[in-house]
Amino acid sequence: MERAARVAAQRQAREEQLRQNRLRQAQQDHARRLSEWQRRRDELAALHALAENLRGEETNVTDFRWGRHRAGERVLLVASVSLVEARTRQGVIFTEQTERGEMAVTDRRVLFDGAGKRREWAYDKWLSHEHQEGTGQTMMMVSNRQKSSGVAYSAAEAARVRLVIDLAVASSRGRRAEVVERTRRALSDHDRTRPAAPAGVG
């Protein structure tokens, strides 16, 4: 009887140890998933706040370094970028980063200022733009230029740069609310994916 009781107690202790190990692993996995979820939520919340509140800063002739200043023009974003231009070689169209410089997104246009080149993409001549996934590039097409061109930016800046361009273009067409709603919906959808705690985790 004593031996049987000992064996049963040992088995119970092993099972309890296994249960504790599984619980500890589940807690660690949950903490990792929750941390990743929270990091992404913070990013989405920041983008939504930017979409709601971005108004830019009015500049004067002295401060405006990206081209000819326009009275009342507001700068929404300044970022270090590369100019991207479309090239054709043996009938194949490709894009190439041709010069480093600085981009300003204003409430009237996107501007690039480099050591040797300047570009302007005005919203009143805007035809389309494309944020190219996996490349960190946005290509823009305007009616006063035959080929599309654009800017390349760092991965860390991508979400912010793309959102500000979307906001600026949409605002010029009276559709800013659509972009704000898109960011709100992205945040709301993400909130519904919060990782559930495993049993036994507070």
Foldseek 3Di string as FASTA:
>chain_A
DVVVVVVVVVVVVVVVVVVVVVQVVLQVVLVVLLVVLVVVLVVLVVLLCCLVDQDAAFDDQVPDDQDGDDPPKGWRDKAKWFKKFWDADPRDIDIDGDFTFMWTDILFWIWTDGPPDIDIGGLVQWDDWDCDPPFQWIWTDGNVDDGIITIHHDPVCSVVVVLSVVQSNCVVVVRSVVSSVVSVVVSVVSVVVNDDRDPPDD
